[in-house]
Each structure stands twice: as C-alpha cells, then as structure tokens.
Amino acid sequence: MSSAAAGSPKLSPRTVTPAVETVLTFVNTRADGSGRRELFGDGDSFAAWLAEYDEFGGDTVATDADAATARELRDALVTVLLAHSGDEESLGEPLRHAERHLRRAGSLYPLATVVTAGGVELASPQAGVEGVFGTVLAAVTTFAQSSDWGRIKACRNPPCHFGFFDRTRNGAGLYCSPGCGSQVSMRNYRRRQRHESQEPPRA
C-alpha cells in the first residue's frame, strides 16, 4: 500500500521526518482484510515486530498483555488519524474515547527532555516495552508541535485505514493510494445506482 496520498497530483516539498516514520511504522501494523496481517496479535508476534526496528529498542521480550496494550495505543492513534481525514465514523464519541486513552497513556509512559548542544528532543526514560510506547508518544509529541500534525492521516477507505503522510499542496488527501480512492468512488456510484433503482416511478 503506498504512503502517498491520493488527490492533487501536485505535491509540496514537505519531507517525511523521522518522527512521522516512527508513527506510521507503529500504526501500520493492523490487519485490513485484504492480505495485510495483524502484527500485534500476541506477545511473540509483537516481539518479532520489535526485533526489526532499532528505534523501538530492537529485541524486546513482550507478553500477550503487552501486545494488547500496543493494539489499544495503536487503535487510539488510528482513530485520531482518521479524524484528520474527516472520517465521520471516527468523530464524536470514538474520537473522545481515543483521546482519553492517549491522555492515560501519556501519564503511564512519561517523556524526558534531552538537551544537547545540537538541540532538544523528547525521549522515553523507560526501558523495555514501556520504552517502546514512550518512543511512539515522543514521536507523536515532536511532530504534533508542527503545523503539519493534521497531515498524518489514516485512509478513509474501510477497512484499509492505512496511515500516510498527506503531501498534497492543499492538504486535502483522503486516501493512501489512488486505488483506495477508486474503490470508494465505485462503492458510492453503486450505492447511488441502487438507490435510484429503488425509487418509485414518477407519475
């Protein structure tokens, strides 16, 4: 699935930062019903996924409970990214629930300010799985301070919901790929056709 947003073919020069890559790497671990498998299904699969990424600590022992916590954090973030895409089903109570969950996560996995001559960054002071979750929240916090926070989105084509960085000039991208945009357009067309066929004939 491409991480380029469908929409205007004219792209801005915006760069996908390391913080964006960290967020997208974490959220794009869901099964989607079209071949993409769940990577946080249990402790073993979560640990296998972590072993592939040094930014998340590399080899880390993880339990089934850790995998469940990872799914909850990921799904809360996906809901926020769907809200960035204007997905109506994610708004209202689903979004409020996600935001409450993220506030709780922020208190469980606090961040530390790291000051060097080269600059300042946020990092997790915790180790193990807690450090993994803190690393995700640090990336979210770092990028959310920019004016481009709303450009990290989740594809509005259900059940895809693949995370992507919207690089369109006007920030109006809704889908992770032209294919997903076409699928939604086709479904809407067929829905209109069914509706029109069910309308009673005019007198």
N, C-alpha and C. Protein backbone atom coordinates (compact mmCIF):
# COMPACT_ATOMS: atom_id res chain seq x y z
N MET A 1 0.84 -1.18 0.00
CA MET A 1 0.00 0.00 0.00
C MET A 1 0.88 1.24 0.00
N SER A 2 0.70 2.14 -0.90
CA SER A 2 1.55 3.32 -0.99
C SER A 2 1.25 4.28 0.13
N SER A 3 2.27 5.01 0.60
CA SER A 3 2.05 6.01 1.62
C SER A 3 1.81 7.38 1.02
N ALA A 4 1.72 7.49 -0.30
CA ALA A 4 1.42 8.76 -0.93
C ALA A 4 -0.08 8.97 -0.96
N ALA A 5 -0.53 10.16 -0.63
CA ALA A 5 -1.96 10.44 -0.58
C ALA A 5 -2.51 10.62 -1.97
N ALA A 6 -3.75 10.11 -2.18
CA ALA A 6 -4.43 10.34 -3.43
C ALA A 6 -5.02 11.74 -3.40
N GLY A 7 -5.11 12.39 -4.50
CA GLY A 7 -5.67 13.73 -4.54
C GLY A 7 -4.99 14.48 -5.65
N SER A 8 -4.67 15.75 -5.40
CA SER A 8 -3.98 16.55 -6.39
C SER A 8 -2.63 15.93 -6.74
N PRO A 9 -2.32 15.83 -8.02
CA PRO A 9 -1.03 15.24 -8.39
C PRO A 9 0.14 16.15 -8.05
N LYS A 10 -0.12 17.42 -7.74
CA LYS A 10 0.94 18.35 -7.40
C LYS A 10 1.28 18.20 -5.93
N LEU A 11 2.52 17.81 -5.65
CA LEU A 11 2.94 17.59 -4.28
C LEU A 11 3.78 18.74 -3.78
N SER A 12 3.67 19.03 -2.49
CA SER A 12 4.51 20.03 -1.87
C SER A 12 5.86 19.40 -1.56
N PRO A 13 6.86 20.20 -1.24
CA PRO A 13 8.16 19.64 -0.92
C PRO A 13 8.27 19.13 0.51
N ARG A 14 7.16 18.99 1.21
CA ARG A 14 7.22 18.54 2.60
C ARG A 14 7.94 17.21 2.71
N THR A 15 8.75 17.11 3.74
CA THR A 15 9.56 15.92 3.95
C THR A 15 8.96 15.07 5.06
N VAL A 16 8.96 13.76 4.85
CA VAL A 16 8.53 12.84 5.89
C VAL A 16 9.67 12.73 6.89
N THR A 17 9.47 13.26 8.09
CA THR A 17 10.52 13.30 9.11
C THR A 17 10.65 11.95 9.82
N PRO A 18 11.73 11.74 10.55
CA PRO A 18 11.85 10.51 11.34
C PRO A 18 10.69 10.31 12.31
N ALA A 19 10.17 11.39 12.88
CA ALA A 19 9.03 11.27 13.79
C ALA A 19 7.81 10.73 13.07
N VAL A 20 7.56 11.22 11.86
CA VAL A 20 6.43 10.74 11.07
C VAL A 20 6.61 9.26 10.74
N GLU A 21 7.83 8.89 10.35
CA GLU A 21 8.10 7.49 10.01
C GLU A 21 7.86 6.59 11.22
N THR A 22 8.23 7.05 12.41
CA THR A 22 8.02 6.25 13.62
C THR A 22 6.53 6.03 13.87
N VAL A 23 5.74 7.10 13.75
CA VAL A 23 4.30 6.99 13.97
C VAL A 23 3.67 6.06 12.94
N LEU A 24 4.01 6.23 11.67
CA LEU A 24 3.40 5.41 10.62
C LEU A 24 3.83 3.95 10.73
N THR A 25 5.09 3.72 11.10
CA THR A 25 5.56 2.35 11.27
C THR A 25 4.74 1.64 12.35
N PHE A 26 4.42 2.35 13.41
CA PHE A 26 3.66 1.77 14.51
C PHE A 26 2.20 1.54 14.14
N VAL A 27 1.55 2.53 13.53
CA VAL A 27 0.12 2.40 13.27
C VAL A 27 -0.18 1.46 12.11
N ASN A 28 0.77 1.29 11.20
CA ASN A 28 0.51 0.43 10.03
C ASN A 28 0.86 -1.03 10.32
N THR A 29 0.30 -1.53 11.40
CA THR A 29 0.54 -2.91 11.82
C THR A 29 -0.77 -3.68 11.93
N ARG A 30 -1.86 -3.08 11.50
CA ARG A 30 -3.18 -3.70 11.61
C ARG A 30 -3.45 -4.64 10.44
N ALA A 31 -4.27 -5.65 10.71
CA ALA A 31 -4.83 -6.46 9.62
C ALA A 31 -5.91 -5.63 8.95
N ASP A 32 -6.05 -5.79 7.63
CA ASP A 32 -7.04 -4.97 6.93
C ASP A 32 -8.04 -5.78 6.13
N GLY A 33 -8.01 -7.10 6.22
CA GLY A 33 -8.97 -7.91 5.49
C GLY A 33 -8.63 -8.12 4.03
N SER A 34 -7.52 -7.57 3.57
CA SER A 34 -7.15 -7.75 2.16
C SER A 34 -5.72 -8.23 2.01
N GLY A 35 -5.23 -8.94 3.01
CA GLY A 35 -3.91 -9.52 2.91
C GLY A 35 -2.92 -9.03 3.94
N ARG A 36 -3.14 -7.84 4.47
CA ARG A 36 -2.24 -7.34 5.50
C ARG A 36 -2.58 -8.00 6.83
N ARG A 37 -1.60 -8.60 7.48
CA ARG A 37 -1.89 -9.37 8.69
C ARG A 37 -1.65 -8.54 9.95
N GLU A 38 -2.27 -8.98 11.03
CA GLU A 38 -2.11 -8.33 12.33
C GLU A 38 -0.72 -8.65 12.88
N LEU A 39 0.06 -7.61 13.18
CA LEU A 39 1.42 -7.81 13.66
C LEU A 39 1.54 -7.73 15.18
N PHE A 40 0.45 -7.37 15.84
CA PHE A 40 0.45 -7.29 17.31
C PHE A 40 -0.53 -8.31 17.88
N GLY A 41 -0.65 -9.46 17.23
CA GLY A 41 -1.65 -10.43 17.64
C GLY A 41 -1.41 -11.03 19.01
N ASP A 42 -0.15 -11.26 19.35
CA ASP A 42 0.20 -11.81 20.66
C ASP A 42 1.61 -11.35 21.00
N GLY A 43 2.08 -11.79 22.17
CA GLY A 43 3.39 -11.35 22.61
C GLY A 43 4.52 -11.73 21.66
N ASP A 44 4.46 -12.94 21.12
CA ASP A 44 5.52 -13.40 20.22
C ASP A 44 5.56 -12.57 18.93
N SER A 45 4.40 -12.32 18.34
CA SER A 45 4.38 -11.55 17.09
C SER A 45 4.78 -10.10 17.34
N PHE A 46 4.38 -9.55 18.49
CA PHE A 46 4.77 -8.18 18.84
C PHE A 46 6.29 -8.10 19.02
N ALA A 47 6.87 -9.09 19.74
CA ALA A 47 8.31 -9.11 19.95
C ALA A 47 9.06 -9.29 18.63
N ALA A 48 8.53 -10.11 17.72
CA ALA A 48 9.16 -10.32 16.42
C ALA A 48 9.16 -9.02 15.62
N TRP A 49 8.07 -8.27 15.72
CA TRP A 49 7.99 -6.98 15.03
C TRP A 49 9.01 -6.00 15.62
N LEU A 50 9.09 -5.95 16.94
CA LEU A 50 10.03 -5.04 17.59
C LEU A 50 11.47 -5.34 17.20
N ALA A 51 11.77 -6.62 17.04
CA ALA A 51 13.14 -7.02 16.72
C ALA A 51 13.62 -6.44 15.39
N GLU A 52 12.69 -6.02 14.53
CA GLU A 52 13.05 -5.48 13.22
C GLU A 52 13.43 -4.00 13.27
N TYR A 53 13.13 -3.33 14.40
CA TYR A 53 13.27 -1.88 14.44
C TYR A 53 14.13 -1.42 15.61
N ASP A 54 15.30 -0.89 15.30
CA ASP A 54 16.18 -0.39 16.34
C ASP A 54 15.59 0.81 17.07
N GLU A 55 14.78 1.63 16.35
CA GLU A 55 14.22 2.82 17.00
C GLU A 55 13.25 2.46 18.12
N PHE A 56 12.76 1.21 18.10
CA PHE A 56 11.88 0.75 19.17
C PHE A 56 12.61 -0.15 20.17
N GLY A 57 13.92 -0.16 20.10
CA GLY A 57 14.67 -0.92 21.08
C GLY A 57 15.16 -2.26 20.61
N GLY A 58 14.80 -2.66 19.40
CA GLY A 58 15.25 -3.95 18.89
C GLY A 58 14.66 -5.11 19.65
N ASP A 59 15.48 -6.11 19.95
CA ASP A 59 15.00 -7.30 20.66
C ASP A 59 14.43 -6.92 22.03
N THR A 60 13.17 -7.23 22.23
CA THR A 60 12.48 -6.91 23.48
C THR A 60 11.54 -8.05 23.83
N VAL A 61 11.56 -8.48 25.05
CA VAL A 61 10.62 -9.51 25.50
C VAL A 61 9.24 -8.88 25.64
N ALA A 62 8.23 -9.51 25.08
CA ALA A 62 6.87 -8.97 25.13
C ALA A 62 5.87 -10.07 25.47
N THR A 63 4.89 -9.73 26.27
CA THR A 63 3.84 -10.67 26.66
C THR A 63 2.59 -10.42 25.84
N ASP A 64 1.62 -11.32 25.98
CA ASP A 64 0.33 -11.11 25.31
C ASP A 64 -0.33 -9.83 25.81
N ALA A 65 -0.16 -9.54 27.10
CA ALA A 65 -0.73 -8.30 27.66
C ALA A 65 -0.07 -7.07 27.03
N ASP A 66 1.25 -7.15 26.79
CA ASP A 66 1.94 -6.05 26.11
C ASP A 66 1.39 -5.85 24.70
N ALA A 67 1.13 -6.95 24.00
CA ALA A 67 0.59 -6.86 22.65
C ALA A 67 -0.79 -6.22 22.67
N ALA A 68 -1.60 -6.57 23.68
CA ALA A 68 -2.94 -5.97 23.79
C ALA A 68 -2.82 -4.47 24.05
N THR A 69 -1.87 -4.07 24.89
CA THR A 69 -1.65 -2.65 25.16
C THR A 69 -1.20 -1.92 23.90
N ALA A 70 -0.34 -2.58 23.11
CA ALA A 70 0.12 -1.99 21.86
C ALA A 70 -1.05 -1.80 20.89
N ARG A 71 -1.94 -2.77 20.82
CA ARG A 71 -3.11 -2.65 19.93
C ARG A 71 -3.99 -1.47 20.37
N GLU A 72 -4.19 -1.33 21.68
CA GLU A 72 -5.04 -0.25 22.18
C GLU A 72 -4.44 1.12 21.86
N LEU A 73 -3.12 1.25 22.07
CA LEU A 73 -2.46 2.52 21.75
C LEU A 73 -2.52 2.80 20.26
N ARG A 74 -2.22 1.79 19.47
CA ARG A 74 -2.25 1.94 18.01
C ARG A 74 -3.64 2.33 17.52
N ASP A 75 -4.67 1.64 18.01
CA ASP A 75 -6.02 1.90 17.52
C ASP A 75 -6.51 3.28 17.93
N ALA A 76 -6.08 3.76 19.11
CA ALA A 76 -6.43 5.12 19.51
C ALA A 76 -5.78 6.13 18.55
N LEU A 77 -4.53 5.88 18.18
CA LEU A 77 -3.85 6.77 17.23
C LEU A 77 -4.51 6.71 15.86
N VAL A 78 -4.91 5.53 15.41
CA VAL A 78 -5.57 5.40 14.12
C VAL A 78 -6.87 6.21 14.11
N THR A 79 -7.61 6.19 15.21
CA THR A 79 -8.84 6.97 15.29
C THR A 79 -8.55 8.46 15.12
N VAL A 80 -7.49 8.95 15.76
CA VAL A 80 -7.10 10.35 15.60
C VAL A 80 -6.71 10.64 14.15
N LEU A 81 -5.98 9.73 13.54
CA LEU A 81 -5.57 9.95 12.14
C LEU A 81 -6.76 9.88 11.19
N LEU A 82 -7.76 9.06 11.51
CA LEU A 82 -8.99 9.05 10.71
C LEU A 82 -9.73 10.38 10.86
N ALA A 83 -9.71 10.94 12.06
CA ALA A 83 -10.33 12.25 12.27
C ALA A 83 -9.63 13.30 11.42
N HIS A 84 -8.31 13.20 11.29
CA HIS A 84 -7.57 14.11 10.40
C HIS A 84 -8.05 13.99 8.96
N SER A 85 -8.53 12.81 8.58
CA SER A 85 -9.04 12.58 7.22
C SER A 85 -10.51 12.96 7.10
N GLY A 86 -11.13 13.39 8.20
CA GLY A 86 -12.54 13.76 8.16
C GLY A 86 -13.47 12.59 8.12
N ASP A 87 -13.00 11.41 8.57
CA ASP A 87 -13.85 10.22 8.58
C ASP A 87 -14.94 10.39 9.62
N GLU A 88 -16.20 10.41 9.18
CA GLU A 88 -17.31 10.73 10.08
C GLU A 88 -17.49 9.71 11.19
N GLU A 89 -17.24 8.43 10.90
CA GLU A 89 -17.45 7.39 11.91
C GLU A 89 -16.45 7.48 13.05
N SER A 90 -15.33 8.15 12.85
CA SER A 90 -14.32 8.27 13.90
C SER A 90 -14.56 9.49 14.79
N LEU A 91 -15.45 10.37 14.38
CA LEU A 91 -15.69 11.59 15.12
C LEU A 91 -16.66 11.34 16.28
N GLY A 92 -16.83 12.33 17.12
CA GLY A 92 -17.75 12.19 18.25
C GLY A 92 -17.17 11.31 19.33
N GLU A 93 -17.96 10.37 19.85
CA GLU A 93 -17.53 9.55 20.97
C GLU A 93 -16.31 8.70 20.67
N PRO A 94 -16.19 8.07 19.46
CA PRO A 94 -14.95 7.32 19.19
C PRO A 94 -13.70 8.17 19.34
N LEU A 95 -13.73 9.40 18.86
CA LEU A 95 -12.57 10.28 18.98
C LEU A 95 -12.34 10.68 20.43
N ARG A 96 -13.40 10.99 21.15
CA ARG A 96 -13.24 11.35 22.57
C ARG A 96 -12.65 10.18 23.36
N HIS A 97 -13.11 8.96 23.06
CA HIS A 97 -12.58 7.78 23.74
C HIS A 97 -11.09 7.61 23.42
N ALA A 98 -10.72 7.81 22.16
CA ALA A 98 -9.32 7.68 21.76
C ALA A 98 -8.47 8.72 22.46
N GLU A 99 -8.95 9.94 22.55
CA GLU A 99 -8.20 11.00 23.20
C GLU A 99 -8.04 10.74 24.69
N ARG A 100 -9.08 10.20 25.32
CA ARG A 100 -8.97 9.85 26.74
C ARG A 100 -7.91 8.77 26.93
N HIS A 101 -7.92 7.79 26.04
CA HIS A 101 -6.93 6.71 26.14
C HIS A 101 -5.52 7.25 25.97
N LEU A 102 -5.32 8.17 25.05
CA LEU A 102 -4.00 8.74 24.82
C LEU A 102 -3.55 9.60 25.99
N ARG A 103 -4.48 10.25 26.67
CA ARG A 103 -4.11 11.00 27.87
C ARG A 103 -3.62 10.05 28.96
N ARG A 104 -4.31 8.92 29.11
CA ARG A 104 -3.88 7.93 30.10
C ARG A 104 -2.50 7.39 29.73
N ALA A 105 -2.31 7.11 28.45
CA ALA A 105 -1.01 6.59 28.00
C ALA A 105 0.09 7.60 28.29
N GLY A 106 -0.21 8.88 28.13
CA GLY A 106 0.78 9.91 28.40
C GLY A 106 1.22 9.94 29.85
N SER A 107 0.31 9.58 30.77
CA SER A 107 0.67 9.55 32.18
C SER A 107 1.42 8.27 32.55
N LEU A 108 1.15 7.18 31.81
CA LEU A 108 1.81 5.91 32.10
C LEU A 108 3.22 5.83 31.50
N TYR A 109 3.42 6.55 30.38
CA TYR A 109 4.70 6.50 29.68
C TYR A 109 5.22 7.93 29.51
N PRO A 110 5.67 8.55 30.60
CA PRO A 110 6.13 9.93 30.56
C PRO A 110 7.39 10.09 29.72
N LEU A 111 7.63 11.32 29.28
CA LEU A 111 8.77 11.61 28.43
C LEU A 111 9.77 12.49 29.16
N ALA A 112 11.01 12.41 28.72
CA ALA A 112 12.08 13.23 29.29
C ALA A 112 12.64 14.15 28.22
N THR A 113 13.01 15.36 28.63
CA THR A 113 13.64 16.30 27.72
C THR A 113 15.13 16.06 27.69
N VAL A 114 15.67 15.85 26.50
CA VAL A 114 17.10 15.61 26.34
C VAL A 114 17.71 16.82 25.65
N VAL A 115 18.56 17.54 26.35
CA VAL A 115 19.17 18.76 25.84
C VAL A 115 20.63 18.49 25.48
N THR A 116 21.00 18.83 24.25
CA THR A 116 22.39 18.72 23.80
C THR A 116 22.78 20.02 23.10
N ALA A 117 24.04 20.16 22.77
CA ALA A 117 24.48 21.35 22.04
C ALA A 117 23.83 21.43 20.67
N GLY A 118 23.43 20.27 20.16
CA GLY A 118 22.82 20.24 18.83
C GLY A 118 21.33 20.50 18.81
N GLY A 119 20.69 20.50 19.98
CA GLY A 119 19.25 20.73 20.01
C GLY A 119 18.60 20.04 21.19
N VAL A 120 17.28 20.00 21.14
CA VAL A 120 16.49 19.42 22.22
C VAL A 120 15.53 18.41 21.62
N GLU A 121 15.37 17.27 22.30
CA GLU A 121 14.41 16.28 21.84
C GLU A 121 13.75 15.61 23.03
N LEU A 122 12.63 14.96 22.75
CA LEU A 122 11.93 14.19 23.76
C LEU A 122 12.28 12.72 23.59
N ALA A 123 12.44 12.02 24.69
CA ALA A 123 12.74 10.60 24.63
C ALA A 123 12.11 9.91 25.83
N SER A 124 11.92 8.61 25.72
CA SER A 124 11.38 7.85 26.84
C SER A 124 12.50 7.49 27.80
N PRO A 125 12.32 7.76 29.10
CA PRO A 125 13.33 7.35 30.08
C PRO A 125 13.15 5.90 30.51
N GLN A 126 12.12 5.23 30.01
CA GLN A 126 11.82 3.87 30.41
C GLN A 126 12.48 2.86 29.47
N ALA A 127 12.60 1.64 29.94
CA ALA A 127 13.19 0.57 29.14
C ALA A 127 12.12 -0.45 28.78
N GLY A 128 12.50 -1.40 27.92
CA GLY A 128 11.58 -2.48 27.57
C GLY A 128 10.36 -1.99 26.81
N VAL A 129 9.26 -2.69 27.00
CA VAL A 129 8.04 -2.36 26.27
C VAL A 129 7.54 -0.96 26.62
N GLU A 130 7.68 -0.57 27.89
CA GLU A 130 7.26 0.78 28.28
C GLU A 130 8.02 1.83 27.47
N GLY A 131 9.30 1.56 27.22
CA GLY A 131 10.09 2.47 26.41
C GLY A 131 9.61 2.52 24.97
N VAL A 132 9.10 1.41 24.47
CA VAL A 132 8.55 1.36 23.12
C VAL A 132 7.36 2.32 23.01
N PHE A 133 6.45 2.22 23.98
CA PHE A 133 5.27 3.06 23.93
C PHE A 133 5.66 4.53 24.12
N GLY A 134 6.64 4.77 24.99
CA GLY A 134 7.11 6.13 25.17
C GLY A 134 7.74 6.69 23.90
N THR A 135 8.46 5.85 23.16
CA THR A 135 9.06 6.28 21.90
C THR A 135 8.00 6.71 20.90
N VAL A 136 6.91 5.96 20.84
CA VAL A 136 5.80 6.32 19.94
C VAL A 136 5.22 7.67 20.36
N LEU A 137 4.96 7.83 21.65
CA LEU A 137 4.38 9.08 22.13
C LEU A 137 5.34 10.25 21.94
N ALA A 138 6.65 10.01 22.08
CA ALA A 138 7.63 11.06 21.84
C ALA A 138 7.57 11.52 20.38
N ALA A 139 7.46 10.56 19.46
CA ALA A 139 7.37 10.90 18.04
C ALA A 139 6.10 11.69 17.75
N VAL A 140 4.99 11.25 18.34
CA VAL A 140 3.73 11.97 18.16
C VAL A 140 3.85 13.39 18.68
N THR A 141 4.39 13.53 19.88
CA THR A 141 4.51 14.85 20.51
C THR A 141 5.43 15.76 19.71
N THR A 142 6.54 15.22 19.26
CA THR A 142 7.50 16.01 18.49
C THR A 142 6.87 16.55 17.22
N PHE A 143 6.21 15.68 16.47
CA PHE A 143 5.64 16.14 15.20
C PHE A 143 4.38 16.97 15.40
N ALA A 144 3.62 16.69 16.45
CA ALA A 144 2.37 17.43 16.67
C ALA A 144 2.62 18.90 16.96
N GLN A 145 3.85 19.25 17.34
CA GLN A 145 4.16 20.66 17.57
C GLN A 145 4.29 21.44 16.27
N SER A 146 4.37 20.73 15.16
CA SER A 146 4.48 21.41 13.87
C SER A 146 3.09 21.72 13.33
N SER A 147 3.05 22.58 12.35
CA SER A 147 1.77 22.94 11.74
C SER A 147 1.25 21.83 10.83
N ASP A 148 2.03 20.78 10.66
CA ASP A 148 1.65 19.70 9.75
C ASP A 148 1.06 18.48 10.47
N TRP A 149 0.75 18.59 11.75
CA TRP A 149 0.22 17.45 12.50
C TRP A 149 -1.00 16.84 11.81
N GLY A 150 -1.88 17.68 11.29
CA GLY A 150 -3.09 17.19 10.63
C GLY A 150 -2.83 16.47 9.32
N ARG A 151 -1.59 16.49 8.84
CA ARG A 151 -1.27 15.80 7.59
C ARG A 151 -0.94 14.32 7.79
N ILE A 152 -0.75 13.89 9.04
CA ILE A 152 -0.63 12.45 9.28
C ILE A 152 -2.06 11.91 9.37
N LYS A 153 -2.44 11.10 8.43
CA LYS A 153 -3.84 10.67 8.30
C LYS A 153 -3.93 9.16 8.19
N ALA A 154 -5.16 8.67 8.30
CA ALA A 154 -5.44 7.27 8.01
C ALA A 154 -6.41 7.23 6.84
N CYS A 155 -6.19 6.32 5.94
CA CYS A 155 -7.00 6.19 4.73
C CYS A 155 -8.48 6.02 5.08
N ARG A 156 -9.34 6.78 4.41
CA ARG A 156 -10.78 6.73 4.69
C ARG A 156 -11.47 5.55 4.03
N ASN A 157 -10.73 4.76 3.27
CA ASN A 157 -11.35 3.60 2.62
C ASN A 157 -11.39 2.44 3.62
N PRO A 158 -12.58 2.07 4.13
CA PRO A 158 -12.63 0.93 5.05
C PRO A 158 -12.57 -0.37 4.25
N PRO A 159 -11.90 -1.42 4.77
CA PRO A 159 -11.24 -1.43 6.08
C PRO A 159 -9.75 -1.12 6.01
N CYS A 160 -9.28 -0.40 4.99
CA CYS A 160 -7.85 -0.16 4.83
C CYS A 160 -7.28 0.62 6.02
N HIS A 161 -7.69 1.88 6.15
CA HIS A 161 -7.26 2.74 7.26
C HIS A 161 -5.74 2.76 7.41
N PHE A 162 -5.01 2.65 6.30
CA PHE A 162 -3.56 2.67 6.30
C PHE A 162 -3.09 4.09 6.59
N GLY A 163 -2.12 4.25 7.49
CA GLY A 163 -1.62 5.57 7.81
C GLY A 163 -0.73 6.10 6.70
N PHE A 164 -0.82 7.40 6.44
CA PHE A 164 0.02 8.01 5.42
C PHE A 164 0.25 9.48 5.76
N PHE A 165 1.28 10.04 5.16
CA PHE A 165 1.56 11.47 5.31
C PHE A 165 1.06 12.18 4.07
N ASP A 166 0.13 13.09 4.25
CA ASP A 166 -0.51 13.80 3.14
C ASP A 166 0.42 14.91 2.64
N ARG A 167 1.01 14.70 1.49
CA ARG A 167 1.93 15.68 0.91
C ARG A 167 1.28 16.52 -0.18
N THR A 168 -0.04 16.42 -0.35
CA THR A 168 -0.70 17.26 -1.35
C THR A 168 -0.56 18.72 -0.95
N ARG A 169 -0.55 19.59 -1.95
CA ARG A 169 -0.29 21.00 -1.71
C ARG A 169 -1.33 21.62 -0.76
N ASN A 170 -2.60 21.22 -0.91
CA ASN A 170 -3.65 21.82 -0.08
C ASN A 170 -4.03 20.96 1.13
N GLY A 171 -3.32 19.86 1.33
CA GLY A 171 -3.60 19.02 2.50
C GLY A 171 -4.95 18.35 2.45
N ALA A 172 -5.48 18.07 1.25
CA ALA A 172 -6.82 17.52 1.11
C ALA A 172 -6.84 16.04 0.78
N GLY A 173 -5.70 15.35 0.89
CA GLY A 173 -5.67 13.92 0.59
C GLY A 173 -6.51 13.13 1.58
N LEU A 174 -7.24 12.15 1.07
CA LEU A 174 -8.13 11.34 1.91
C LEU A 174 -7.76 9.87 1.91
N TYR A 175 -7.02 9.43 0.90
CA TYR A 175 -6.75 8.01 0.73
C TYR A 175 -5.25 7.76 0.60
N CYS A 176 -4.83 6.56 1.01
CA CYS A 176 -3.40 6.23 0.98
C CYS A 176 -2.90 5.97 -0.42
N SER A 177 -3.80 5.70 -1.36
CA SER A 177 -3.39 5.39 -2.73
C SER A 177 -4.54 5.70 -3.68
N PRO A 178 -4.26 5.91 -4.96
CA PRO A 178 -5.33 6.11 -5.93
C PRO A 178 -6.29 4.91 -5.97
N GLY A 179 -5.76 3.70 -5.73
CA GLY A 179 -6.62 2.51 -5.74
C GLY A 179 -7.71 2.59 -4.69
N CYS A 180 -7.35 3.04 -3.50
CA CYS A 180 -8.37 3.16 -2.44
C CYS A 180 -9.38 4.23 -2.79
N GLY A 181 -8.92 5.34 -3.37
CA GLY A 181 -9.85 6.38 -3.78
C GLY A 181 -10.83 5.86 -4.82
N SER A 182 -10.34 5.05 -5.76
CA SER A 182 -11.19 4.48 -6.81
C SER A 182 -12.22 3.52 -6.22
N GLN A 183 -11.81 2.72 -5.23
CA GLN A 183 -12.74 1.79 -4.59
C GLN A 183 -13.90 2.54 -3.93
N VAL A 184 -13.59 3.63 -3.23
CA VAL A 184 -14.64 4.41 -2.57
C VAL A 184 -15.56 5.03 -3.61
N SER A 185 -14.99 5.57 -4.69
CA SER A 185 -15.81 6.17 -5.74
C SER A 185 -16.74 5.14 -6.37
N MET A 186 -16.24 3.93 -6.59
CA MET A 186 -17.06 2.89 -7.18
C MET A 186 -18.18 2.47 -6.23
N ARG A 187 -17.87 2.32 -4.94
CA ARG A 187 -18.91 1.97 -3.97
C ARG A 187 -19.99 3.04 -3.92
N ASN A 188 -19.58 4.30 -3.93
CA ASN A 188 -20.56 5.39 -3.90
C ASN A 188 -21.42 5.38 -5.15
N TYR A 189 -20.80 5.09 -6.29
CA TYR A 189 -21.55 5.04 -7.55
C TYR A 189 -22.59 3.92 -7.51
N ARG A 190 -22.18 2.74 -7.05
CA ARG A 190 -23.11 1.61 -6.98
C ARG A 190 -24.22 1.88 -5.98
N ARG A 191 -23.90 2.58 -4.87
CA ARG A 191 -24.92 2.92 -3.88
C ARG A 191 -25.96 3.86 -4.50
N ARG A 192 -25.50 4.82 -5.28
CA ARG A 192 -26.44 5.74 -5.94
C ARG A 192 -27.30 4.99 -6.95
N GLN A 193 -26.68 4.04 -7.68
CA GLN A 193 -27.42 3.27 -8.66
C GLN A 193 -28.52 2.45 -8.00
N ARG A 194 -28.20 1.82 -6.87
CA ARG A 194 -29.22 1.02 -6.15
C ARG A 194 -30.33 1.91 -5.63
N HIS A 195 -29.94 3.08 -5.10
CA HIS A 195 -30.95 4.00 -4.58
C HIS A 195 -31.90 4.46 -5.67
N GLU A 196 -31.32 4.78 -6.84
CA GLU A 196 -32.14 5.25 -7.95
C GLU A 196 -33.06 4.15 -8.46
N SER A 197 -32.57 2.90 -8.44
CA SER A 197 -33.39 1.80 -8.94
C SER A 197 -34.55 1.47 -8.00
N GLN A 198 -34.42 1.86 -6.75
CA GLN A 198 -35.45 1.56 -5.76
C GLN A 198 -36.49 2.70 -5.66
N GLU A 199 -36.22 3.83 -6.30
CA GLU A 199 -37.16 4.93 -6.23
C GLU A 199 -38.42 4.58 -7.03
N PRO A 200 -39.60 4.93 -6.51
CA PRO A 200 -40.84 4.66 -7.24
C PRO A 200 -40.90 5.46 -8.52
N PRO A 201 -41.49 4.92 -9.57
CA PRO A 201 -41.59 5.67 -10.83
C PRO A 201 -42.40 6.95 -10.64
N ARG A 202 -42.03 7.98 -11.34
CA ARG A 202 -42.75 9.24 -11.26
C ARG A 202 -44.04 9.15 -12.06
N ALA A 203 -45.07 9.82 -11.53
CA ALA A 203 -46.37 9.80 -12.21
C ALA A 203 -46.31 10.66 -13.45
